Amino acid sequence: MKLGAKVFGLLSGILVVYLLVGLLLPRSWRAEADSLVPAPPSSVFPLVNRLSSWASWTHVPETGLEAFGPPTGVGAGVRWDDPRYGAGEVRIVGSEEDRMVEYEVIVENGALTIHGSITLEPEGVGTRVRWVEEGDFGWNPLLGYAARGMSSSQAETMRQSLRMLSEEVQTHRSGSGGAGPMRGI
């Protein structure tokens, strides 16, 4: 047997093992973050319940944005088609004024699904904001490897977003406006 065929056979075997291990890895992940925002829930809730406000405090796709449904609450949504984030949508599926917002994200026709909730609990003169996300990468064997580190990386991203939310709430309370709605919607 020629050396090239042996090398090709070895590389093919390694690829098959890599894909099989990827299929066996957990596909799902869970991330949590919380922060104390120095404002009452009534000041925080509008920025969480209106998806167009999310651009001022969290990472959102930058292109191809299209709002659908009502501007706030259950049914409010945003679709996107962005080179960095792919195609997908986020939709509010649950909302209780000044208490919580639940949402669902579907990326690339379900290749990635995320269920999230942001709860607001009065704490002293502020609000404890708790953010939980659970995601599932489906049966893609390559994404099984990504799921292993997703909990910690997503939790860090969520903590950064909560810091920005706190700043945005303070900006709105001082009356100086803010970043406004998402670009393009």
Foldseek 3Di string as FASTA:
>chain_A
DDPVVVVVVVVVVVVVVLLVVLQVFAQKAKAKDKDWFLAALQLLQVCVFFQQNLVQQADDAQDAWDWDDDRGDFATKIWGDHPVQHTWMKGWHGDDRSFKTWMWIAHPNNQKIKIKMWTWDDDPNTTMIMIMMMMGRPRRSVSSVVRVCCHVVVNVRVNRSVVSSSVQSVCVVVPVHTPGGRPPD
